[in-house]
Amino acid sequence: MIAGEDEQAQRVRDVLGDLGALYGVSAATMAYAWILRHPARPIPITGSGRIEALCEAVRALQVPLDSEDWYRVWRSSTGRDLP
């Protein structure tokens, strides 16, 4: 969803970057924070053995992502508002 070069991926990266600046963390940490707040309670997997990537994932546990910001990421991925 965010690794591509299409319009959707760029929208998501932009929002994650903006929120990362707001919360003082990287866009990658914001992506983990978003996953952790997802209502389905998925378990994020880093897919990396790099220490910095693992630290970004752990930092997500400290991000107080509010519902409005969570939906901002969701809207950026779908390109539409909630029904």
PDB file of N, CA and C in Angstrom:
ATOM      1  N   MET A   1       0.806  -1.190   0.000  1.00  0.00           N
ATOM      2  CA  MET A   1       0.000   0.000   0.000  1.00  0.00           C
ATOM      3  C   MET A   1       0.854   1.260   0.000  1.00  0.00           C
ATOM      4  N   ILE A   2       1.974   1.317   0.710  1.00  0.00           N
ATOM      5  CA  ILE A   2       2.730   2.566   0.764  1.00  0.00           C
ATOM      6  C   ILE A   2       4.071   2.493   0.050  1.00  0.00           C
ATOM      7  N   ALA A   3       4.439   1.329  -0.436  1.00  0.00           N
ATOM      8  CA  ALA A   3       5.740   1.195  -1.094  1.00  0.00           C
ATOM      9  C   ALA A   3       5.690   1.576  -2.568  1.00  0.00           C
ATOM     10  N   GLY A   4       4.530   1.627  -3.147  1.00  0.00           N
ATOM     11  CA  GLY A   4       4.401   1.898  -4.574  1.00  0.00           C
ATOM     12  C   GLY A   4       4.620   3.351  -4.931  1.00  0.00           C
ATOM     13  N   GLU A   5       4.528   3.627  -6.207  1.00  0.00           N
ATOM     14  CA  GLU A   5       4.692   4.993  -6.708  1.00  0.00           C
ATOM     15  C   GLU A   5       3.372   5.580  -7.200  1.00  0.00           C
ATOM     16  N   ASP A   6       2.281   4.859  -6.987  1.00  0.00           N
ATOM     17  CA  ASP A   6       0.986   5.334  -7.449  1.00  0.00           C
ATOM     18  C   ASP A   6       0.453   6.442  -6.535  1.00  0.00           C
ATOM     19  N   GLU A   7      -0.642   7.045  -6.952  1.00  0.00           N
ATOM     20  CA  GLU A   7      -1.231   8.164  -6.220  1.00  0.00           C
ATOM     21  C   GLU A   7      -1.655   7.765  -4.800  1.00  0.00           C
ATOM     22  N   GLN A   8      -2.233   6.586  -4.646  1.00  0.00           N
ATOM     23  CA  GLN A   8      -2.667   6.117  -3.331  1.00  0.00           C
ATOM     24  C   GLN A   8      -1.484   6.013  -2.376  1.00  0.00           C
ATOM     25  N   ALA A   9      -0.404   5.385  -2.821  1.00  0.00           N
ATOM     26  CA  ALA A   9       0.781   5.221  -1.970  1.00  0.00           C
ATOM     27  C   ALA A   9       1.348   6.577  -1.573  1.00  0.00           C
ATOM     28  N   GLN A  10       1.377   7.502  -2.501  1.00  0.00           N
ATOM     29  CA  GLN A  10       1.905   8.836  -2.204  1.00  0.00           C
ATOM     30  C   GLN A  10       1.033   9.559  -1.181  1.00  0.00           C
ATOM     31  N   ARG A  11      -0.302   9.426  -1.319  1.00  0.00           N
ATOM     32  CA  ARG A  11      -1.210  10.048  -0.337  1.00  0.00           C
ATOM     33  C   ARG A  11      -0.940   9.513   1.060  1.00  0.00           C
ATOM     34  N   VAL A  12      -0.798   8.188   1.178  1.00  0.00           N
ATOM     35  CA  VAL A  12      -0.578   7.568   2.488  1.00  0.00           C
ATOM     36  C   VAL A  12       0.766   8.013   3.049  1.00  0.00           C
ATOM     37  N   ARG A  13       1.810   7.992   2.234  1.00  0.00           N
ATOM     38  CA  ARG A  13       3.133   8.431   2.704  1.00  0.00           C
ATOM     39  C   ARG A  13       3.095   9.885   3.175  1.00  0.00           C
ATOM     40  N   ASP A  14       2.387  10.730   2.432  1.00  0.00           N
ATOM     41  CA  ASP A  14       2.292  12.137   2.826  1.00  0.00           C
ATOM     42  C   ASP A  14       1.632  12.297   4.189  1.00  0.00           C
ATOM     43  N   VAL A  15       0.515  11.597   4.395  1.00  0.00           N
ATOM     44  CA  VAL A  15      -0.193  11.700   5.669  1.00  0.00           C
ATOM     45  C   VAL A  15       0.652  11.112   6.804  1.00  0.00           C
ATOM     46  N   LEU A  16       1.270   9.956   6.575  1.00  0.00           N
ATOM     47  CA  LEU A  16       2.115   9.372   7.619  1.00  0.00           C
ATOM     48  C   LEU A  16       3.287  10.294   7.959  1.00  0.00           C
ATOM     49  N   GLY A  17       3.841  10.942   6.946  1.00  0.00           N
ATOM     50  CA  GLY A  17       4.926  11.891   7.188  1.00  0.00           C
ATOM     51  C   GLY A  17       4.464  13.097   7.980  1.00  0.00           C
ATOM     52  N   ASP A  18       3.289  13.643   7.613  1.00  0.00           N
ATOM     53  CA  ASP A  18       2.738  14.788   8.336  1.00  0.00           C
ATOM     54  C   ASP A  18       2.449  14.430   9.795  1.00  0.00           C
ATOM     55  N   LEU A  19       1.832  13.278   9.999  1.00  0.00           N
ATOM     56  CA  LEU A  19       1.524  12.854  11.367  1.00  0.00           C
ATOM     57  C   LEU A  19       2.797  12.533  12.144  1.00  0.00           C
ATOM     58  N   GLY A  20       3.781  11.952  11.460  1.00  0.00           N
ATOM     59  CA  GLY A  20       5.053  11.682  12.119  1.00  0.00           C
ATOM     60  C   GLY A  20       5.687  12.964  12.632  1.00  0.00           C
ATOM     61  N   ALA A  21       5.638  14.019  11.828  1.00  0.00           N
ATOM     62  CA  ALA A  21       6.171  15.311  12.271  1.00  0.00           C
ATOM     63  C   ALA A  21       5.382  15.838  13.470  1.00  0.00           C
ATOM     64  N   LEU A  22       4.070  15.658  13.435  1.00  0.00           N
ATOM     65  CA  LEU A  22       3.215  16.108  14.537  1.00  0.00           C
ATOM     66  C   LEU A  22       3.526  15.359  15.838  1.00  0.00           C
ATOM     67  N   TYR A  23       3.721  14.050  15.737  1.00  0.00           N
ATOM     68  CA  TYR A  23       3.966  13.221  16.920  1.00  0.00           C
ATOM     69  C   TYR A  23       5.450  13.068  17.247  1.00  0.00           C
ATOM     70  N   GLY A  24       6.325  13.577  16.390  1.00  0.00           N
ATOM     71  CA  GLY A  24       7.759  13.526  16.654  1.00  0.00           C
ATOM     72  C   GLY A  24       8.392  12.173  16.391  1.00  0.00           C
ATOM     73  N   VAL A  25       7.853  11.440  15.411  1.00  0.00           N
ATOM     74  CA  VAL A  25       8.395  10.119  15.064  1.00  0.00           C
ATOM     75  C   VAL A  25       8.477  10.015  13.538  1.00  0.00           C
ATOM     76  N   SER A  26       9.058   8.937  13.060  1.00  0.00           N
ATOM     77  CA  SER A  26       9.172   8.717  11.619  1.00  0.00           C
ATOM     78  C   SER A  26       7.841   8.262  11.022  1.00  0.00           C
ATOM     79  N   ALA A  27       7.752   8.349   9.706  1.00  0.00           N
ATOM     80  CA  ALA A  27       6.568   7.849   9.007  1.00  0.00           C
ATOM     81  C   ALA A  27       6.411   6.349   9.224  1.00  0.00           C
ATOM     82  N   ALA A  28       7.526   5.631   9.282  1.00  0.00           N
ATOM     83  CA  ALA A  28       7.461   4.181   9.525  1.00  0.00           C
ATOM     84  C   ALA A  28       6.870   3.888  10.905  1.00  0.00           C
ATOM     85  N   THR A  29       7.275   4.655  11.900  1.00  0.00           N
ATOM     86  CA  THR A  29       6.713   4.477  13.243  1.00  0.00           C
ATOM     87  C   THR A  29       5.221   4.779  13.230  1.00  0.00           C
ATOM     88  N   MET A  30       4.823   5.808  12.475  1.00  0.00           N
ATOM     89  CA  MET A  30       3.395   6.124  12.372  1.00  0.00           C
ATOM     90  C   MET A  30       2.627   4.982  11.723  1.00  0.00           C
ATOM     91  N   ALA A  31       3.219   4.331  10.737  1.00  0.00           N
ATOM     92  CA  ALA A  31       2.546   3.195  10.096  1.00  0.00           C
ATOM     93  C   ALA A  31       2.304   2.087  11.124  1.00  0.00           C
ATOM     94  N   TYR A  32       3.297   1.814  11.946  1.00  0.00           N
ATOM     95  CA  TYR A  32       3.110   0.802  12.998  1.00  0.00           C
ATOM     96  C   TYR A  32       2.048   1.257  14.001  1.00  0.00           C
ATOM     97  N   ALA A  33       2.081   2.523  14.391  1.00  0.00           N
ATOM     98  CA  ALA A  33       1.092   3.042  15.344  1.00  0.00           C
ATOM     99  C   ALA A  33      -0.316   2.908  14.772  1.00  0.00           C
ATOM    100  N   TRP A  34      -0.460   3.165  13.467  1.00  0.00           N
ATOM    101  CA  TRP A  34      -1.768   3.036  12.820  1.00  0.00           C
ATOM    102  C   TRP A  34      -2.251   1.584  12.877  1.00  0.00           C
ATOM    103  N   ILE A  35      -1.359   0.661  12.556  1.00  0.00           N
ATOM    104  CA  ILE A  35      -1.721  -0.772  12.603  1.00  0.00           C
ATOM    105  C   ILE A  35      -2.140  -1.167  14.012  1.00  0.00           C
ATOM    106  N   LEU A  36      -1.398  -0.701  15.014  1.00  0.00           N
ATOM    107  CA  LEU A  36      -1.705  -1.057  16.400  1.00  0.00           C
ATOM    108  C   LEU A  36      -3.060  -0.526  16.861  1.00  0.00           C
ATOM    109  N   ARG A  37      -3.543   0.555  16.252  1.00  0.00           N
ATOM    110  CA  ARG A  37      -4.849   1.117  16.607  1.00  0.00           C
ATOM    111  C   ARG A  37      -5.980   0.575  15.748  1.00  0.00           C
ATOM    112  N   HIS A  38      -5.676  -0.284  14.791  1.00  0.00           N
ATOM    113  CA  HIS A  38      -6.710  -0.814  13.895  1.00  0.00           C
ATOM    114  C   HIS A  38      -7.720  -1.623  14.709  1.00  0.00           C
ATOM    115  N   PRO A  39      -9.016  -1.452  14.436  1.00  0.00           N
ATOM    116  CA  PRO A  39     -10.039  -2.162  15.205  1.00  0.00           C
ATOM    117  C   PRO A  39      -9.930  -3.685  15.145  1.00  0.00           C
ATOM    118  N   ALA A  40      -9.368  -4.243  14.080  1.00  0.00           N
ATOM    119  CA  ALA A  40      -9.247  -5.700  13.970  1.00  0.00           C
ATOM    120  C   ALA A  40      -8.093  -6.254  14.799  1.00  0.00           C
ATOM    121  N   ARG A  41      -7.295  -5.375  15.395  1.00  0.00           N
ATOM    122  CA  ARG A  41      -6.163  -5.759  16.242  1.00  0.00           C
ATOM    123  C   ARG A  41      -5.144  -6.664  15.543  1.00  0.00           C
ATOM    124  N   PRO A  42      -4.707  -6.292  14.327  1.00  0.00           N
ATOM    125  CA  PRO A  42      -3.677  -7.114  13.678  1.00  0.00           C
ATOM    126  C   PRO A  42      -2.359  -7.010  14.428  1.00  0.00           C
ATOM    127  N   ILE A  43      -1.501  -7.957  14.196  1.00  0.00           N
ATOM    128  CA  ILE A  43      -0.165  -7.951  14.802  1.00  0.00           C
ATOM    129  C   ILE A  43       0.827  -7.520  13.733  1.00  0.00           C
ATOM    130  N   PRO A  44       1.447  -6.350  13.916  1.00  0.00           N
ATOM    131  CA  PRO A  44       2.400  -5.889  12.903  1.00  0.00           C
ATOM    132  C   PRO A  44       3.668  -6.735  12.929  1.00  0.00           C
ATOM    133  N   ILE A  45       4.200  -6.989  11.760  1.00  0.00           N
ATOM    134  CA  ILE A  45       5.454  -7.741  11.621  1.00  0.00           C
ATOM    135  C   ILE A  45       6.444  -6.830  10.922  1.00  0.00           C
ATOM    136  N   THR A  46       7.619  -6.682  11.509  1.00  0.00           N
ATOM    137  CA  THR A  46       8.585  -5.733  10.954  1.00  0.00           C
ATOM    138  C   THR A  46       9.186  -6.219   9.648  1.00  0.00           C
ATOM    139  N   GLY A  47       9.461  -7.485   9.523  1.00  0.00           N
ATOM    140  CA  GLY A  47      10.092  -7.988   8.314  1.00  0.00           C
ATOM    141  C   GLY A  47      11.531  -7.542   8.182  1.00  0.00           C
ATOM    142  N   SER A  48      12.113  -7.080   9.258  1.00  0.00           N
ATOM    143  CA  SER A  48      13.473  -6.562   9.216  1.00  0.00           C
ATOM    144  C   SER A  48      14.240  -7.010  10.446  1.00  0.00           C
ATOM    145  N   GLY A  49      15.522  -7.199  10.258  1.00  0.00           N
ATOM    146  CA  GLY A  49      16.403  -7.475  11.380  1.00  0.00           C
ATOM    147  C   GLY A  49      17.260  -6.261  11.721  1.00  0.00           C
ATOM    148  N   ARG A  50      17.036  -5.164  10.961  1.00  0.00           N
ATOM    149  CA  ARG A  50      17.794  -3.940  11.244  1.00  0.00           C
ATOM    150  C   ARG A  50      17.349  -3.371  12.588  1.00  0.00           C
ATOM    151  N   ILE A  51      18.300  -3.032  13.421  1.00  0.00           N
ATOM    152  CA  ILE A  51      17.996  -2.504  14.747  1.00  0.00           C
ATOM    153  C   ILE A  51      17.133  -1.247  14.656  1.00  0.00           C
ATOM    154  N   GLU A  52      17.463  -0.327  13.752  1.00  0.00           N
ATOM    155  CA  GLU A  52      16.687   0.915  13.645  1.00  0.00           C
ATOM    156  C   GLU A  52      15.235   0.625  13.250  1.00  0.00           C
ATOM    157  N   ALA A  53      15.011  -0.310  12.347  1.00  0.00           N
ATOM    158  CA  ALA A  53      13.643  -0.661  11.955  1.00  0.00           C
ATOM    159  C   ALA A  53      12.881  -1.251  13.139  1.00  0.00           C
ATOM    160  N   LEU A  54      13.542  -2.060  13.932  1.00  0.00           N
ATOM    161  CA  LEU A  54      12.898  -2.627  15.116  1.00  0.00           C
ATOM    162  C   LEU A  54      12.596  -1.540  16.147  1.00  0.00           C
ATOM    163  N   CYS A  55      13.500  -0.587  16.290  1.00  0.00           N
ATOM    164  CA  CYS A  55      13.270   0.525  17.221  1.00  0.00           C
ATOM    165  C   CYS A  55      12.082   1.375  16.779  1.00  0.00           C
ATOM    166  N   GLU A  56      11.936   1.591  15.463  1.00  0.00           N
ATOM    167  CA  GLU A  56      10.785   2.336  14.966  1.00  0.00           C
ATOM    168  C   GLU A  56       9.484   1.620  15.311  1.00  0.00           C
ATOM    169  N   ALA A  57       9.494   0.318  15.194  1.00  0.00           N
ATOM    170  CA  ALA A  57       8.299  -0.459  15.530  1.00  0.00           C
ATOM    171  C   ALA A  57       7.976  -0.343  17.016  1.00  0.00           C
ATOM    172  N   VAL A  58       8.975  -0.437  17.853  1.00  0.00           N
ATOM    173  CA  VAL A  58       8.763  -0.354  19.306  1.00  0.00           C
ATOM    174  C   VAL A  58       8.292   1.046  19.693  1.00  0.00           C
ATOM    175  N   ARG A  59       8.826   2.089  19.039  1.00  0.00           N
ATOM    176  CA  ARG A  59       8.400   3.464  19.340  1.00  0.00           C
ATOM    177  C   ARG A  59       6.906   3.652  19.111  1.00  0.00           C
ATOM    178  N   ALA A  60       6.345   2.889  18.210  1.00  0.00           N
ATOM    179  CA  ALA A  60       4.915   3.015  17.905  1.00  0.00           C
ATOM    180  C   ALA A  60       4.047   2.743  19.127  1.00  0.00           C
ATOM    181  N   LEU A  61       4.549   1.962  20.056  1.00  0.00           N
ATOM    182  CA  LEU A  61       3.786   1.666  21.271  1.00  0.00           C
ATOM    183  C   LEU A  61       3.571   2.911  22.126  1.00  0.00           C
ATOM    184  N   GLN A  62       4.415   3.936  21.925  1.00  0.00           N
ATOM    185  CA  GLN A  62       4.328   5.154  22.726  1.00  0.00           C
ATOM    186  C   GLN A  62       3.584   6.294  22.026  1.00  0.00           C
ATOM    187  N   VAL A  63       3.151   6.060  20.787  1.00  0.00           N
ATOM    188  CA  VAL A  63       2.469   7.116  20.028  1.00  0.00           C
ATOM    189  C   VAL A  63       0.996   7.164  20.436  1.00  0.00           C
ATOM    190  N   PRO A  64       0.549   8.295  20.964  1.00  0.00           N
ATOM    191  CA  PRO A  64      -0.857   8.413  21.381  1.00  0.00           C
ATOM    192  C   PRO A  64      -1.757   8.804  20.205  1.00  0.00           C
ATOM    193  N   LEU A  65      -1.775   7.982  19.188  1.00  0.00           N
ATOM    194  CA  LEU A  65      -2.534   8.274  17.968  1.00  0.00           C
ATOM    195  C   LEU A  65      -4.019   8.358  18.283  1.00  0.00           C
ATOM    196  N   ASP A  66      -4.611   9.522  18.012  1.00  0.00           N
ATOM    197  CA  ASP A  66      -6.034   9.652  18.313  1.00  0.00           C
ATOM    198  C   ASP A  66      -6.880   9.168  17.128  1.00  0.00           C
ATOM    199  N   SER A  67      -8.156   9.031  17.372  1.00  0.00           N
ATOM    200  CA  SER A  67      -9.062   8.476  16.358  1.00  0.00           C
ATOM    201  C   SER A  67      -9.125   9.330  15.107  1.00  0.00           C
ATOM    202  N   GLU A  68      -9.121  10.645  15.265  1.00  0.00           N
ATOM    203  CA  GLU A  68      -9.189  11.533  14.107  1.00  0.00           C
ATOM    204  C   GLU A  68      -7.981  11.327  13.194  1.00  0.00           C
ATOM    205  N   ASP A  69      -6.804  11.212  13.781  1.00  0.00           N
ATOM    206  CA  ASP A  69      -5.602  10.987  12.982  1.00  0.00           C
ATOM    207  C   ASP A  69      -5.589   9.585  12.375  1.00  0.00           C
ATOM    208  N   TRP A  70      -6.112   8.595  13.096  1.00  0.00           N
ATOM    209  CA  TRP A  70      -6.199   7.240  12.542  1.00  0.00           C
ATOM    210  C   TRP A  70      -7.060   7.261  11.276  1.00  0.00           C
ATOM    211  N   TYR A  71      -8.214   7.931  11.350  1.00  0.00           N
ATOM    212  CA  TYR A  71      -9.103   8.006  10.185  1.00  0.00           C
ATOM    213  C   TYR A  71      -8.494   8.826   9.055  1.00  0.00           C
ATOM    214  N   ARG A  72      -7.650   9.772   9.392  1.00  0.00           N
ATOM    215  CA  ARG A  72      -6.960  10.546   8.350  1.00  0.00           C
ATOM    216  C   ARG A  72      -6.088   9.632   7.486  1.00  0.00           C
ATOM    217  N   VAL A  73      -5.401   8.687   8.117  1.00  0.00           N
ATOM    218  CA  VAL A  73      -4.596   7.716   7.361  1.00  0.00           C
ATOM    219  C   VAL A  73      -5.521   6.812   6.549  1.00  0.00           C
ATOM    220  N   TRP A  74      -6.581   6.342   7.162  1.00  0.00           N
ATOM    221  CA  TRP A  74      -7.528   5.464   6.457  1.00  0.00           C
ATOM    222  C   TRP A  74      -8.094   6.162   5.227  1.00  0.00           C
ATOM    223  N   ARG A  75      -8.529   7.415   5.398  1.00  0.00           N
ATOM    224  CA  ARG A  75      -9.078   8.165   4.263  1.00  0.00           C
ATOM    225  C   ARG A  75      -8.038   8.336   3.157  1.00  0.00           C
ATOM    226  N   SER A  76      -6.786   8.548   3.530  1.00  0.00           N
ATOM    227  CA  SER A  76      -5.750   8.717   2.507  1.00  0.00           C
ATOM    228  C   SER A  76      -5.546   7.430   1.718  1.00  0.00           C
ATOM    229  N   SER A  77      -5.737   6.293   2.369  1.00  0.00           N
ATOM    230  CA  SER A  77      -5.537   5.019   1.661  1.00  0.00           C
ATOM    231  C   SER A  77      -6.701   4.672   0.736  1.00  0.00           C
ATOM    232  N   THR A  78      -7.897   5.119   1.100  1.00  0.00           N
ATOM    233  CA  THR A  78      -9.073   4.805   0.283  1.00  0.00           C
ATOM    234  C   THR A  78      -9.430   5.920  -0.696  1.00  0.00           C
ATOM    235  N   GLY A  79      -8.993   7.120  -0.371  1.00  0.00           N
ATOM    236  CA  GLY A  79      -9.333   8.256  -1.211  1.00  0.00           C
ATOM    237  C   GLY A  79     -10.761   8.736  -1.013  1.00  0.00           C
ATOM    238  N   ARG A  80     -11.394   8.309   0.087  1.00  0.00           N
ATOM    239  CA  ARG A  80     -12.777   8.731   0.357  1.00  0.00           C
ATOM    240  C   ARG A  80     -13.028   8.803   1.853  1.00  0.00           C
ATOM    241  N   ASP A  81     -14.101   9.468   2.219  1.00  0.00           N
ATOM    242  CA  ASP A  81     -14.513   9.555   3.612  1.00  0.00           C
ATOM    243  C   ASP A  81     -15.312   8.330   3.997  1.00  0.00           C
ATOM    244  N   LEU A  82     -15.493   8.154   5.293  1.00  0.00           N
ATOM    245  CA  LEU A  82     -16.353   7.069   5.779  1.00  0.00           C
ATOM    246  C   LEU A  82     -17.784   7.305   5.322  1.00  0.00           C
ATOM    247  N   PRO A  83     -18.522   6.230   5.080  1.00  0.00           N
ATOM    248  CA  PRO A  83     -19.940   6.400   4.680  1.00  0.00           C
ATOM    249  C   PRO A  83     -20.763   6.961   5.813  1.00  0.00           C
TER     250      PRO A  83
END
